PDB file of all heavy atoms in Angstrom:
ATOM      1  N   LEU A   1       0.846  -1.182   0.005  1.00  0.00           N
ATOM      2  CA  LEU A   1      -0.003   0.003  -0.005  1.00  0.00           C
ATOM      3  C   LEU A   1       0.888   1.236  -0.007  1.00  0.00           C
ATOM      4  O   LEU A   1       1.623   1.489   0.953  1.00  0.00           O
ATOM      5  CB  LEU A   1      -0.934  -0.005   1.209  1.00  0.00           C
ATOM      6  CG  LEU A   1      -1.903   1.169   1.322  1.00  0.00           C
ATOM      7  CD1 LEU A   1      -2.812   1.252   0.110  1.00  0.00           C
ATOM      8  CD2 LEU A   1      -2.720   1.067   2.609  1.00  0.00           C
ATOM      9  N   ASP A   2       0.788   2.017  -1.071  1.00  0.00           N
ATOM     10  CA  ASP A   2       1.672   3.164  -1.256  1.00  0.00           C
ATOM     11  C   ASP A   2       1.006   4.481  -0.918  1.00  0.00           C
ATOM     12  O   ASP A   2       1.607   5.346  -0.273  1.00  0.00           O
ATOM     13  CB  ASP A   2       2.146   3.189  -2.721  1.00  0.00           C
ATOM     14  CG  ASP A   2       2.937   4.414  -3.063  1.00  0.00           C
ATOM     15  OD1 ASP A   2       4.155   4.417  -2.796  1.00  0.00           O
ATOM     16  OD2 ASP A   2       2.355   5.396  -3.600  1.00  0.00           O
ATOM     17  N   THR A   3      -0.243   4.670  -1.352  1.00  0.00           N
ATOM     18  CA  THR A   3      -0.922   5.949  -1.177  1.00  0.00           C
ATOM     19  C   THR A   3      -2.413   5.701  -0.897  1.00  0.00           C
ATOM     20  O   THR A   3      -3.004   4.774  -1.446  1.00  0.00           O
ATOM     21  CB  THR A   3      -0.820   6.809  -2.464  1.00  0.00           C
ATOM     22  OG1 THR A   3       0.566   7.035  -2.769  1.00  0.00           O
ATOM     23  CG2 THR A   3      -1.509   8.152  -2.307  1.00  0.00           C
ATOM     24  N   VAL A   4      -2.977   6.546  -0.047  1.00  0.00           N
ATOM     25  CA  VAL A   4      -4.426   6.562   0.196  1.00  0.00           C
ATOM     26  C   VAL A   4      -4.928   7.966  -0.085  1.00  0.00           C
ATOM     27  O   VAL A   4      -4.399   8.938   0.442  1.00  0.00           O
ATOM     28  CB  VAL A   4      -4.767   6.160   1.650  1.00  0.00           C
ATOM     29  CG1 VAL A   4      -6.277   6.297   1.884  1.00  0.00           C
ATOM     30  CG2 VAL A   4      -4.300   4.734   1.930  1.00  0.00           C
ATOM     31  N   VAL A   5      -5.935   8.081  -0.946  1.00  0.00           N
ATOM     32  CA  VAL A   5      -6.565   9.347  -1.245  1.00  0.00           C
ATOM     33  C   VAL A   5      -7.919   9.380  -0.550  1.00  0.00           C
ATOM     34  O   VAL A   5      -8.800   8.571  -0.843  1.00  0.00           O
ATOM     35  CB  VAL A   5      -6.756   9.551  -2.761  1.00  0.00           C
ATOM     36  CG1 VAL A   5      -7.353  10.933  -3.033  1.00  0.00           C
ATOM     37  CG2 VAL A   5      -5.445   9.380  -3.510  1.00  0.00           C
ATOM     38  N   GLU A   6      -8.097  10.321   0.374  1.00  0.00           N
ATOM     39  CA  GLU A   6      -9.372  10.462   1.085  1.00  0.00           C
ATOM     40  C   GLU A   6     -10.318  11.325   0.258  1.00  0.00           C
ATOM     41  O   GLU A   6      -9.918  12.375  -0.267  1.00  0.00           O
ATOM     42  CB  GLU A   6      -9.117  11.101   2.443  1.00  0.00           C
ATOM     43  CG  GLU A   6      -8.232  10.245   3.337  1.00  0.00           C
ATOM     44  CD  GLU A   6      -7.913  10.906   4.674  1.00  0.00           C
ATOM     45  OE1 GLU A   6      -8.138  12.152   4.786  1.00  0.00           O
ATOM     46  OE2 GLU A   6      -7.467  10.212   5.596  1.00  0.00           O
ATOM     47  N   LEU A   7     -11.573  10.891   0.161  1.00  0.00           N
ATOM     48  CA  LEU A   7     -12.538  11.530  -0.720  1.00  0.00           C
ATOM     49  C   LEU A   7     -13.788  11.964   0.031  1.00  0.00           C
ATOM     50  O   LEU A   7     -14.125  11.383   1.070  1.00  0.00           O
ATOM     51  CB  LEU A   7     -12.938  10.571  -1.839  1.00  0.00           C
ATOM     52  CG  LEU A   7     -11.774  10.094  -2.748  1.00  0.00           C
ATOM     53  CD1 LEU A   7     -12.204   8.928  -3.606  1.00  0.00           C
ATOM     54  CD2 LEU A   7     -11.266  11.234  -3.598  1.00  0.00           C
ATOM     55  N   PRO A   8     -14.492  12.967  -0.490  1.00  0.00           N
ATOM     56  CA  PRO A   8     -15.721  13.440   0.186  1.00  0.00           C
ATOM     57  C   PRO A   8     -16.973  12.652  -0.203  1.00  0.00           C
ATOM     58  O   PRO A   8     -18.080  13.110   0.026  1.00  0.00           O
ATOM     59  CB  PRO A   8     -15.816  14.889  -0.316  1.00  0.00           C
ATOM     60  CG  PRO A   8     -15.240  14.833  -1.697  1.00  0.00           C
ATOM     61  CD  PRO A   8     -14.114  13.825  -1.611  1.00  0.00           C
ATOM     62  N   VAL A   9     -16.778  11.493  -0.782  1.00  0.00           N
ATOM     63  CA  VAL A   9     -17.887  10.622  -1.170  1.00  0.00           C
ATOM     64  C   VAL A   9     -17.547   9.191  -0.725  1.00  0.00           C
ATOM     65  O   VAL A   9     -16.383   8.791  -0.742  1.00  0.00           O
ATOM     66  CB  VAL A   9     -18.131  10.649  -2.690  1.00  0.00           C
ATOM     67  CG1 VAL A   9     -18.613  12.027  -3.122  1.00  0.00           C
ATOM     68  CG2 VAL A   9     -16.889  10.249  -3.465  1.00  0.00           C
ATOM     69  N   SER A  10     -18.533   8.433  -0.329  1.00  0.00           N
ATOM     70  CA  SER A  10     -18.261   7.080   0.170  1.00  0.00           C
ATOM     71  C   SER A  10     -18.287   6.052  -0.960  1.00  0.00           C
ATOM     72  O   SER A  10     -17.500   5.110  -0.961  1.00  0.00           O
ATOM     73  CB  SER A  10     -19.274   6.705   1.246  1.00  0.00           C
ATOM     74  OG  SER A  10     -20.590   6.683   0.742  1.00  0.00           O
ATOM     75  N   GLN A  11     -19.218   6.227  -1.912  1.00  0.00           N
ATOM     76  CA  GLN A  11     -19.410   5.213  -2.957  1.00  0.00           C
ATOM     77  C   GLN A  11     -18.539   5.542  -4.159  1.00  0.00           C
ATOM     78  O   GLN A  11     -18.967   6.115  -5.154  1.00  0.00           O
ATOM     79  CB  GLN A  11     -20.892   5.131  -3.313  1.00  0.00           C
ATOM     80  CG  GLN A  11     -21.721   4.670  -2.115  1.00  0.00           C
ATOM     81  CD  GLN A  11     -23.208   4.584  -2.387  1.00  0.00           C
ATOM     82  OE1 GLN A  11     -23.915   3.878  -1.699  1.00  0.00           O
ATOM     83  NE2 GLN A  11     -23.709   5.320  -3.355  1.00  0.00           N
ATOM     84  N   VAL A  12     -17.267   5.172  -4.048  1.00  0.00           N
ATOM     85  CA  VAL A  12     -16.264   5.444  -5.082  1.00  0.00           C
ATOM     86  C   VAL A  12     -16.284   4.294  -6.075  1.00  0.00           C
ATOM     87  O   VAL A  12     -16.201   3.122  -5.682  1.00  0.00           O
ATOM     88  CB  VAL A  12     -14.871   5.604  -4.453  1.00  0.00           C
ATOM     89  CG1 VAL A  12     -13.896   6.140  -5.476  1.00  0.00           C
ATOM     90  CG2 VAL A  12     -14.922   6.494  -3.225  1.00  0.00           C
ATOM     91  N   THR A  13     -16.395   4.613  -7.365  1.00  0.00           N
ATOM     92  CA  THR A  13     -16.613   3.555  -8.346  1.00  0.00           C
ATOM     93  C   THR A  13     -15.417   3.229  -9.224  1.00  0.00           C
ATOM     94  O   THR A  13     -15.166   2.068  -9.530  1.00  0.00           O
ATOM     95  CB  THR A  13     -17.812   3.927  -9.252  1.00  0.00           C
ATOM     96  OG1 THR A  13     -17.524   5.185  -9.894  1.00  0.00           O
ATOM     97  CG2 THR A  13     -19.097   4.035  -8.453  1.00  0.00           C
ATOM     98  N   SER A  14     -14.683   4.251  -9.661  1.00  0.00           N
ATOM     99  CA  SER A  14     -13.563   3.986 -10.564  1.00  0.00           C
ATOM    100  C   SER A  14     -12.663   5.208 -10.657  1.00  0.00           C
ATOM    101  O   SER A  14     -12.937   6.255 -10.038  1.00  0.00           O
ATOM    102  CB  SER A  14     -14.063   3.593 -11.950  1.00  0.00           C
ATOM    103  OG  SER A  14     -13.022   3.022 -12.732  1.00  0.00           O
ATOM    104  N   CYS A  15     -11.596   5.083 -11.453  1.00  0.00           N
ATOM    105  CA  CYS A  15     -10.655   6.184 -11.632  1.00  0.00           C
ATOM    106  C   CYS A  15      -9.886   6.002 -12.929  1.00  0.00           C
ATOM    107  O   CYS A  15      -9.736   4.873 -13.416  1.00  0.00           O
ATOM    108  CB  CYS A  15      -9.702   6.288 -10.443  1.00  0.00           C
ATOM    109  SG  CYS A  15      -8.853   4.748 -10.022  1.00  0.00           S
ATOM    110  N   ALA A  16      -9.405   7.112 -13.472  1.00  0.00           N
ATOM    111  CA  ALA A  16      -8.626   7.078 -14.717  1.00  0.00           C
ATOM    112  C   ALA A  16      -7.771   8.318 -14.791  1.00  0.00           C
ATOM    113  O   ALA A  16      -8.182   9.399 -14.327  1.00  0.00           O
ATOM    114  CB  ALA A  16      -9.548   6.996 -15.929  1.00  0.00           C
ATOM    115  N   PHE A  17      -6.604   8.198 -15.391  1.00  0.00           N
ATOM    116  CA  PHE A  17      -5.727   9.354 -15.572  1.00  0.00           C
ATOM    117  C   PHE A  17      -6.126  10.145 -16.825  1.00  0.00           C
ATOM    118  O   PHE A  17      -6.565   9.587 -17.827  1.00  0.00           O
ATOM    119  CB  PHE A  17      -4.267   8.909 -15.684  1.00  0.00           C
ATOM    120  CG  PHE A  17      -3.652   8.611 -14.343  1.00  0.00           C
ATOM    121  CD1 PHE A  17      -3.725   7.328 -13.830  1.00  0.00           C
ATOM    122  CD2 PHE A  17      -3.022   9.599 -13.622  1.00  0.00           C
ATOM    123  CE1 PHE A  17      -3.159   7.034 -12.583  1.00  0.00           C
ATOM    124  CE2 PHE A  17      -2.457   9.321 -12.372  1.00  0.00           C
ATOM    125  CZ  PHE A  17      -2.520   8.041 -11.857  1.00  0.00           C
ATOM    126  N   GLY A  18      -5.972  11.471 -16.724  1.00  0.00           N
ATOM    127  CA  GLY A  18      -6.262  12.330 -17.857  1.00  0.00           C
ATOM    128  C   GLY A  18      -5.525  13.636 -17.707  1.00  0.00           C
ATOM    129  O   GLY A  18      -4.573  13.755 -16.947  1.00  0.00           O
ATOM    130  N   GLY A  19      -6.005  14.643 -18.452  1.00  0.00           N
ATOM    131  CA  GLY A  19      -5.338  15.928 -18.485  1.00  0.00           C
ATOM    132  C   GLY A  19      -4.296  15.971 -19.576  1.00  0.00           C
ATOM    133  O   GLY A  19      -3.862  14.924 -20.091  1.00  0.00           O
ATOM    134  N   PRO A  20      -3.848  17.160 -19.967  1.00  0.00           N
ATOM    135  CA  PRO A  20      -2.856  17.281 -21.052  1.00  0.00           C
ATOM    136  C   PRO A  20      -1.585  16.483 -20.838  1.00  0.00           C
ATOM    137  O   PRO A  20      -0.972  16.002 -21.805  1.00  0.00           O
ATOM    138  CB  PRO A  20      -2.588  18.802 -21.090  1.00  0.00           C
ATOM    139  CG  PRO A  20      -3.803  19.418 -20.510  1.00  0.00           C
ATOM    140  CD  PRO A  20      -4.305  18.465 -19.466  1.00  0.00           C
ATOM    141  N   ASP A  21      -1.170  16.331 -19.575  1.00  0.00           N
ATOM    142  CA  ASP A  21       0.050  15.609 -19.264  1.00  0.00           C
ATOM    143  C   ASP A  21      -0.217  14.261 -18.585  1.00  0.00           C
ATOM    144  O   ASP A  21       0.710  13.629 -18.066  1.00  0.00           O
ATOM    145  CB  ASP A  21       0.950  16.460 -18.371  1.00  0.00           C
ATOM    146  CG  ASP A  21       1.374  17.763 -19.016  1.00  0.00           C
ATOM    147  OD1 ASP A  21       1.745  17.729 -20.219  1.00  0.00           O
ATOM    148  OD2 ASP A  21       1.293  18.813 -18.365  1.00  0.00           O
ATOM    149  N   LEU A  22      -1.465  13.848 -18.607  1.00  0.00           N
ATOM    150  CA  LEU A  22      -1.885  12.569 -17.994  1.00  0.00           C
ATOM    151  C   LEU A  22      -1.463  12.481 -16.523  1.00  0.00           C
ATOM    152  O   LEU A  22      -1.197  11.391 -16.013  1.00  0.00           O
ATOM    153  CB  LEU A  22      -1.313  11.370 -18.757  1.00  0.00           C
ATOM    154  CG  LEU A  22      -1.844  11.159 -20.180  1.00  0.00           C
ATOM    155  CD1 LEU A  22      -1.142   9.964 -20.828  1.00  0.00           C
ATOM    156  CD2 LEU A  22      -3.352  10.940 -20.179  1.00  0.00           C
ATOM    157  N   ASP A  23      -1.446  13.626 -15.857  1.00  0.00           N
ATOM    158  CA  ASP A  23      -1.053  13.639 -14.455  1.00  0.00           C
ATOM    159  C   ASP A  23      -2.188  13.995 -13.514  1.00  0.00           C
ATOM    160  O   ASP A  23      -1.970  14.320 -12.348  1.00  0.00           O
ATOM    161  CB  ASP A  23       0.119  14.613 -14.241  1.00  0.00           C
ATOM    162  CG  ASP A  23      -0.216  16.038 -14.645  1.00  0.00           C
ATOM    163  OD1 ASP A  23      -1.307  16.284 -15.222  1.00  0.00           O
ATOM    164  OD2 ASP A  23       0.628  16.926 -14.400  1.00  0.00           O
ATOM    165  N   GLU A  24      -3.430  13.933 -14.018  1.00  0.00           N
ATOM    166  CA  GLU A  24      -4.615  14.185 -13.208  1.00  0.00           C
ATOM    167  C   GLU A  24      -5.402  12.890 -13.091  1.00  0.00           C
ATOM    168  O   GLU A  24      -5.664  12.222 -14.107  1.00  0.00           O
ATOM    169  CB  GLU A  24      -5.485  15.261 -13.868  1.00  0.00           C
ATOM    170  CG  GLU A  24      -4.769  16.587 -14.042  1.00  0.00           C
ATOM    171  CD  GLU A  24      -5.525  17.569 -14.904  1.00  0.00           C
ATOM    172  OE1 GLU A  24      -6.558  17.185 -15.522  1.00  0.00           O
ATOM    173  OE2 GLU A  24      -5.092  18.725 -14.985  1.00  0.00           O
TER     174      GLU A  24
END
């Protein structure tokens, strides 16, 4: 386990990188 991102929502469904530099 390297990183934990805390979010303001409980039902988190998925994630993907984007942005012009793919760093978001």
